[in-house]
Amino acid sequence: MQQEHIDAGKAIQKRTGKTFYLATRFLPERVRHATHVLYAFFRIADEVVDDADGVDPATQRAQLEDLRAQALGEREPDDPVLEAFGELRERYGIDDEEIDTFVDAMATDIETSRYETYGDLESYMRGSAASVGVMMTAIMEPDAEDVAIPHAVKLGEAFQMTNFLRDVREDVVERDRIYVPLETLRDHGVDPAQIERLEHSESFAGVMAAELQRTEELYREGVAGIRYLPADCQLPVLLAAVLYAEHHTVIRNQEYDVLSREPSLSTARKLWCLAKTRWHWHWNRDPEAVFQRVSAVPTTDRDRRHPEHGDGVPTRS
């Protein structure tokens, strides 16, 4: 890839994905440059539907189809990021199906603003999050790719769910979208109109607590697969998981009120997460053990009964 293409992707990632960008900086160059391009491609597609004030649905769909054609190599790319993405697609053998699934999910956002069940939301995330995990795994080139991918899918979904729970206020105010499943709202006696009015309540706190627990199980499943990635990619992916999950601490500290203000991580908090993760990683190169020690995801009874992978005394491996 040409340096100008990498720089274009890096600029987009640095502007729009500060948390993930911090973790990306620790990736080896061979993966870091490709990650800048992948992330920028994802953002370009996302912005077609997220930054669409005054753009009618037909135009948005046409823009996504044009983007799809360029990403699949069916049309000459007109953007340096798309040109670089085309090179990645060929170099790493990224399946056309994953690109189609991702773009289809972006198209879903044009007309779908509510999800009845978690299963419905999960189907959406198969494109918006799981495909991202599959493509990221491809550029890391793990030896056991087939084993790593299911975990990468779960980790991608965990990141996506954290974003949904963090951004409830922004999504409903700016885009009239609610990604919290309606069935969860009903289970806790919350009317979607309450979210639209940004009215926090104990019932809504129960909704958030339930969805945080569901998301944290996704983190556990996802982090369990980091060991299958190349050694020089494991710490950066672990850092990303720790940083994203840290939003859960902020949400809990706000007593689950994400309607009055959006939870955010200060620079100091990000650096603290980074420092403690790297320190524990220095002594114990087991991703699950380190994640249990440093992340915001609570330890389960199973973790307490089975402190596996050398999580007793720090060991340098």
Protein backbone atom coordinates (compact mmCIF):
# COMPACT_ATOMS: atom_id res chain seq x y z
CA MET A 1 0.00 0.00 0.00
CA GLN A 2 1.17 3.50 -0.73
CA GLN A 3 1.95 5.67 2.29
CA GLU A 4 -0.62 8.29 1.25
CA HIS A 5 -3.33 5.61 1.37
CA ILE A 6 -2.24 4.50 4.83
CA ASP A 7 -2.12 8.11 6.03
CA ALA A 8 -5.64 8.74 4.72
CA GLY A 9 -6.98 5.77 6.66
CA LYS A 10 -4.99 6.69 9.77
CA ALA A 11 -6.41 10.23 9.75
CA ILE A 12 -9.99 8.93 9.65
CA GLN A 13 -9.36 6.44 12.45
CA LYS A 14 -7.60 9.00 14.63
CA ARG A 15 -10.50 11.45 14.19
CA THR A 16 -13.41 9.05 14.66
CA GLY A 17 -12.18 6.12 16.75
CA LYS A 18 -9.87 7.42 19.48
CA THR A 19 -10.24 4.41 21.80
CA PHE A 20 -9.54 1.80 19.13
CA TYR A 21 -6.80 4.01 17.65
CA LEU A 22 -4.92 3.91 20.96
CA ALA A 23 -4.89 0.11 20.93
CA THR A 24 -4.02 0.04 17.22
CA ARG A 25 -0.79 1.91 17.91
CA PHE A 26 0.57 -1.24 19.60
CA LEU A 27 -0.01 -3.49 16.61
CA PRO A 28 3.01 -4.52 14.53
CA GLU A 29 3.44 -2.32 11.46
CA ARG A 30 2.34 -5.09 9.07
CA VAL A 31 -1.06 -5.18 10.78
CA ARG A 32 -1.29 -1.57 11.98
CA HIS A 33 -1.24 -0.06 8.50
CA ALA A 34 -3.88 -2.48 7.27
CA THR A 35 -6.02 -1.74 10.34
CA HIS A 36 -5.98 1.99 9.57
CA VAL A 37 -7.34 1.22 6.11
CA LEU A 38 -9.96 -1.26 7.31
CA TYR A 39 -11.25 1.08 10.00
CA ALA A 40 -11.42 3.98 7.55
CA PHE A 41 -13.41 1.85 5.10
CA PHE A 42 -15.85 0.91 7.87
CA ARG A 43 -16.26 4.55 8.85
CA ILE A 44 -16.81 5.75 5.28
CA ALA A 45 -19.66 3.26 4.90
CA ASP A 46 -21.05 4.07 8.34
CA GLU A 47 -21.07 7.80 7.67
CA VAL A 48 -23.24 7.32 4.58
CA VAL A 49 -26.13 6.49 6.92
CA ASP A 50 -25.04 8.18 10.16
CA ASP A 51 -24.25 11.62 8.74
CA ALA A 52 -27.16 11.77 6.35
CA ASP A 53 -29.04 14.93 7.31
CA GLY A 54 -31.08 16.02 4.34
CA VAL A 55 -30.10 12.99 2.24
CA ASP A 56 -33.07 10.89 1.13
CA PRO A 57 -33.03 7.07 1.61
CA ALA A 58 -32.78 6.35 -2.12
CA THR A 59 -29.62 8.46 -2.38
CA GLN A 60 -28.12 6.77 0.68
CA ARG A 61 -28.79 3.34 -0.80
CA ALA A 62 -27.24 4.42 -4.12
CA GLN A 63 -24.15 5.68 -2.28
CA LEU A 64 -23.78 2.38 -0.44
CA GLU A 65 -24.15 0.40 -3.66
CA ASP A 66 -21.47 2.53 -5.28
CA LEU A 67 -19.26 1.94 -2.24
CA ARG A 68 -19.94 -1.80 -2.47
CA ALA A 69 -18.95 -1.88 -6.15
CA GLN A 70 -15.67 -0.10 -5.40
CA ALA A 71 -14.91 -2.33 -2.39
CA LEU A 72 -15.52 -5.47 -4.46
CA GLY A 73 -13.35 -4.23 -7.32
CA GLU A 74 -16.28 -3.94 -9.71
CA ARG A 75 -15.62 -0.24 -10.23
CA GLU A 76 -12.51 1.89 -10.18
CA PRO A 77 -12.10 3.36 -6.66
CA ASP A 78 -12.41 7.13 -6.39
CA ASP A 79 -10.94 7.41 -2.87
CA PRO A 80 -7.46 6.51 -1.59
CA VAL A 81 -8.96 4.49 1.27
CA LEU A 82 -11.07 2.43 -1.13
CA GLU A 83 -8.07 1.89 -3.37
CA ALA A 84 -6.06 0.64 -0.40
CA PHE A 85 -8.97 -1.52 0.77
CA GLY A 86 -9.05 -3.19 -2.65
CA GLU A 87 -5.39 -4.08 -2.26
CA LEU A 88 -6.08 -5.55 1.19
CA ARG A 89 -9.01 -7.57 -0.11
CA GLU A 90 -6.82 -9.24 -2.71
CA ARG A 91 -3.75 -9.64 -0.52
CA TYR A 92 -5.52 -11.26 2.42
CA GLY A 93 -8.27 -13.05 0.52
CA ILE A 94 -11.12 -11.23 2.23
CA ASP A 95 -14.32 -12.91 1.07
CA ASP A 96 -16.74 -10.90 -1.02
CA GLU A 97 -19.48 -12.31 1.22
CA GLU A 98 -18.07 -10.48 4.25
CA ILE A 99 -18.04 -7.18 2.35
CA ASP A 100 -21.61 -7.76 1.17
CA THR A 101 -22.75 -8.63 4.69
CA PHE A 102 -21.14 -5.49 6.09
CA VAL A 103 -22.61 -3.16 3.47
CA ASP A 104 -26.03 -4.82 3.85
CA ALA A 105 -25.93 -4.04 7.57
CA MET A 106 -25.16 -0.39 6.84
CA ALA A 107 -28.16 -0.34 4.49
CA THR A 108 -30.33 -1.70 7.31
CA ASP A 109 -29.71 1.52 9.23
CA ILE A 110 -31.49 3.50 6.52
CA GLU A 111 -34.91 2.15 7.41
CA THR A 112 -34.60 0.16 10.66
CA SER A 113 -34.47 2.14 13.90
CA ARG A 114 -35.77 -0.39 16.45
CA TYR A 115 -35.01 -4.08 17.12
CA GLU A 116 -37.68 -6.31 18.61
CA THR A 117 -35.43 -9.04 20.05
CA TYR A 118 -31.76 -9.55 20.77
CA GLY A 119 -31.80 -12.13 17.99
CA ASP A 120 -32.84 -9.39 15.57
CA LEU A 121 -30.05 -7.16 16.84
CA GLU A 122 -27.58 -10.05 16.60
CA SER A 123 -28.54 -10.53 12.94
CA TYR A 124 -27.74 -6.86 12.32
CA MET A 125 -24.43 -7.22 14.15
CA ARG A 126 -23.47 -10.14 11.90
CA GLY A 127 -22.71 -7.42 9.37
CA SER A 128 -21.92 -4.38 11.47
CA ALA A 129 -19.62 -6.13 13.95
CA ALA A 130 -18.93 -9.78 13.13
CA SER A 131 -17.72 -9.03 9.60
CA VAL A 132 -15.36 -6.47 11.10
CA GLY A 133 -13.93 -9.16 13.38
CA VAL A 134 -13.55 -11.58 10.47
CA MET A 135 -11.70 -9.02 8.34
CA MET A 136 -9.45 -7.98 11.22
CA THR A 137 -8.57 -11.63 11.82
CA ALA A 138 -7.72 -12.06 8.14
CA ILE A 139 -5.13 -9.26 8.16
CA MET A 140 -3.49 -10.69 11.31
CA GLU A 141 -3.03 -14.05 9.55
CA PRO A 142 -3.24 -16.40 12.55
CA ASP A 143 -2.13 -20.00 12.07
CA ALA A 144 -5.45 -21.33 13.38
CA GLU A 145 -7.75 -18.87 11.62
CA ASP A 146 -10.77 -21.17 11.72
CA VAL A 147 -10.42 -21.45 15.50
CA ALA A 148 -9.80 -17.73 16.01
CA ILE A 149 -12.70 -16.41 13.92
CA PRO A 150 -15.66 -17.47 16.14
CA HIS A 151 -14.02 -15.67 19.06
CA ALA A 152 -13.27 -12.63 16.89
CA VAL A 153 -16.96 -12.51 15.96
CA LYS A 154 -17.96 -12.48 19.65
CA LEU A 155 -15.40 -9.79 20.47
CA GLY A 156 -16.63 -7.65 17.59
CA GLU A 157 -20.19 -8.00 18.91
CA ALA A 158 -19.01 -7.07 22.41
CA PHE A 159 -17.40 -3.87 21.12
CA GLN A 160 -20.55 -3.06 19.16
CA MET A 161 -22.83 -3.65 22.15
CA THR A 162 -20.66 -1.45 24.36
CA ASN A 163 -20.97 1.29 21.75
CA PHE A 164 -24.76 0.84 21.65
CA LEU A 165 -25.06 1.06 25.44
CA ARG A 166 -22.68 4.00 25.68
CA ASP A 167 -24.39 5.90 22.84
CA VAL A 168 -28.07 5.46 23.73
CA ARG A 169 -28.51 9.22 24.11
CA GLU A 170 -26.65 10.13 20.90
CA ASP A 171 -28.40 7.48 18.81
CA VAL A 172 -31.91 8.51 19.81
CA VAL A 173 -31.29 12.28 19.69
CA GLU A 174 -29.30 12.44 16.46
CA ARG A 175 -30.63 9.45 14.51
CA ASP A 176 -33.90 8.38 16.18
CA ARG A 177 -32.45 4.91 16.73
CA ILE A 178 -32.71 2.64 19.75
CA TYR A 179 -30.43 -0.39 19.66
CA VAL A 180 -31.54 -1.74 23.03
CA PRO A 181 -33.88 -4.68 22.21
CA LEU A 182 -37.52 -3.81 22.74
CA GLU A 183 -38.07 -7.13 24.51
CA THR A 184 -35.56 -6.07 27.19
CA LEU A 185 -37.40 -2.78 27.61
CA ARG A 186 -40.71 -4.61 28.05
CA ASP A 187 -39.20 -7.06 30.52
CA HIS A 188 -38.33 -4.09 32.75
CA GLY A 189 -41.47 -2.06 32.13
CA VAL A 190 -39.79 0.65 30.05
CA ASP A 191 -41.63 2.34 27.18
CA PRO A 192 -39.41 3.32 24.24
CA ALA A 193 -40.98 6.78 24.47
CA GLN A 194 -39.23 7.18 27.81
CA ILE A 195 -35.87 6.84 26.06
CA GLU A 196 -36.99 9.24 23.36
CA ARG A 197 -37.73 11.77 26.11
CA LEU A 198 -34.36 10.99 27.75
CA GLU A 199 -36.07 10.10 31.04
CA HIS A 200 -33.89 7.98 33.28
CA SER A 201 -35.51 5.71 35.86
CA GLU A 202 -34.79 2.70 38.06
CA SER A 203 -36.52 0.56 35.44
CA PHE A 204 -34.22 1.82 32.71
CA ALA A 205 -31.24 1.18 35.02
CA GLY A 206 -32.42 -2.44 35.14
CA VAL A 207 -32.43 -2.56 31.34
CA MET A 208 -28.87 -1.29 31.21
CA ALA A 209 -27.69 -3.70 33.90
CA ALA A 210 -29.17 -6.65 31.99
CA GLU A 211 -27.62 -5.64 28.68
CA LEU A 212 -24.24 -4.96 30.28
CA GLN A 213 -24.25 -8.51 31.69
CA ARG A 214 -25.12 -9.92 28.27
CA THR A 215 -22.33 -7.89 26.68
CA GLU A 216 -19.80 -8.99 29.28
CA GLU A 217 -20.41 -12.62 28.42
CA LEU A 218 -19.53 -11.72 24.82
CA TYR A 219 -16.25 -10.22 26.08
CA ARG A 220 -15.40 -13.43 27.92
CA GLU A 221 -16.05 -15.52 24.81
CA GLY A 222 -14.14 -13.10 22.61
CA VAL A 223 -11.10 -12.70 24.84
CA ALA A 224 -10.83 -16.49 25.10
CA GLY A 225 -9.75 -16.51 21.45
CA ILE A 226 -6.95 -13.94 21.68
CA ARG A 227 -4.50 -16.77 22.39
CA TYR A 228 -5.04 -17.99 18.82
CA LEU A 229 -3.78 -14.74 17.29
CA PRO A 230 -0.12 -14.14 16.39
CA ALA A 231 1.94 -13.32 19.48
CA ASP A 232 2.63 -9.75 18.37
CA CYS A 233 -1.11 -9.05 17.99
CA GLN A 234 -2.36 -10.42 21.29
CA LEU A 235 -1.59 -7.48 23.59
CA PRO A 236 -3.08 -4.82 21.24
CA VAL A 237 -6.34 -6.78 20.89
CA LEU A 238 -6.43 -7.33 24.64
CA LEU A 239 -5.88 -3.59 25.17
CA ALA A 240 -8.80 -2.81 22.87
CA ALA A 241 -11.03 -5.17 24.89
CA VAL A 242 -9.97 -3.64 28.20
CA LEU A 243 -10.48 -0.09 26.93
CA TYR A 244 -13.92 -0.72 25.43
CA ALA A 245 -15.10 -2.65 28.50
CA GLU A 246 -13.94 0.18 30.76
CA HIS A 247 -17.01 2.12 29.60
CA HIS A 248 -19.03 -0.34 31.70
CA THR A 249 -17.40 0.99 34.87
CA VAL A 250 -18.30 4.55 33.86
CA ILE A 251 -21.89 3.51 33.11
CA ARG A 252 -22.21 1.81 36.49
CA ASN A 253 -20.65 4.80 38.24
CA GLN A 254 -23.34 6.95 36.60
CA GLU A 255 -25.93 4.57 38.07
CA TYR A 256 -26.75 3.40 34.53
CA ASP A 257 -27.91 6.88 33.49
CA VAL A 258 -26.74 7.17 29.89
CA LEU A 259 -29.68 9.41 28.97
CA SER A 260 -28.55 12.55 30.81
CA ARG A 261 -24.96 12.37 29.61
CA GLU A 262 -22.87 10.04 27.50
CA PRO A 263 -20.28 7.96 29.37
CA SER A 264 -16.76 8.74 28.19
CA LEU A 265 -13.23 7.75 29.09
CA SER A 266 -10.79 10.48 30.06
CA THR A 267 -7.29 10.38 28.63
CA ALA A 268 -5.97 9.66 32.13
CA ARG A 269 -8.32 6.71 32.50
CA LYS A 270 -7.31 5.29 29.13
CA LEU A 271 -3.63 5.59 30.01
CA TRP A 272 -4.22 3.89 33.37
CA CYS A 273 -5.98 0.99 31.63
CA LEU A 274 -3.11 0.75 29.19
CA ALA A 275 -0.44 0.84 31.92
CA LYS A 276 -2.00 -1.79 34.18
CA THR A 277 -2.74 -4.11 31.24
CA ARG A 278 0.83 -3.88 29.98
CA TRP A 279 2.21 -4.46 33.50
CA HIS A 280 0.19 -7.63 34.04
CA TRP A 281 0.99 -8.78 30.50
CA HIS A 282 4.69 -8.43 31.29
CA TRP A 283 4.27 -11.08 33.99
CA ASN A 284 1.58 -13.30 32.54
CA ARG A 285 1.01 -13.70 28.81
CA ASP A 286 -2.39 -15.32 29.21
CA PRO A 287 -5.06 -13.00 27.73
CA GLU A 288 -7.95 -14.40 29.77
CA ALA A 289 -6.06 -14.21 33.04
CA VAL A 290 -4.96 -10.61 32.42
CA PHE A 291 -8.44 -9.59 31.28
CA GLN A 292 -9.93 -11.04 34.48
CA ARG A 293 -7.48 -9.05 36.58
CA VAL A 294 -7.65 -5.63 34.89
CA SER A 295 -10.92 -5.25 32.99
CA ALA A 296 -14.25 -3.79 34.11
CA VAL A 297 -15.93 -7.14 33.39
CA PRO A 298 -16.82 -8.76 36.73
CA THR A 299 -15.31 -12.12 37.55
CA THR A 300 -17.91 -14.90 37.41
CA ASP A 301 -18.41 -17.74 39.89
CA ARG A 302 -16.92 -20.04 37.26
CA ASP A 303 -13.78 -17.87 37.14
CA ARG A 304 -13.48 -18.10 40.93
CA ARG A 305 -13.93 -21.88 40.92
CA HIS A 306 -11.49 -22.39 38.07
CA PRO A 307 -8.62 -19.84 38.27
CA GLU A 308 -7.06 -21.39 35.20
CA HIS A 309 -4.24 -20.32 32.91
CA GLY A 310 -1.85 -19.47 35.73
CA ASP A 311 -3.88 -16.66 37.25
CA GLY A 312 -2.54 -17.26 40.73
CA VAL A 313 0.97 -15.81 40.82
CA PRO A 314 2.40 -13.51 38.13
CA THR A 315 4.72 -15.52 35.92
CA ARG A 316 6.96 -14.30 33.15
CA SER A 317 6.50 -16.44 30.05
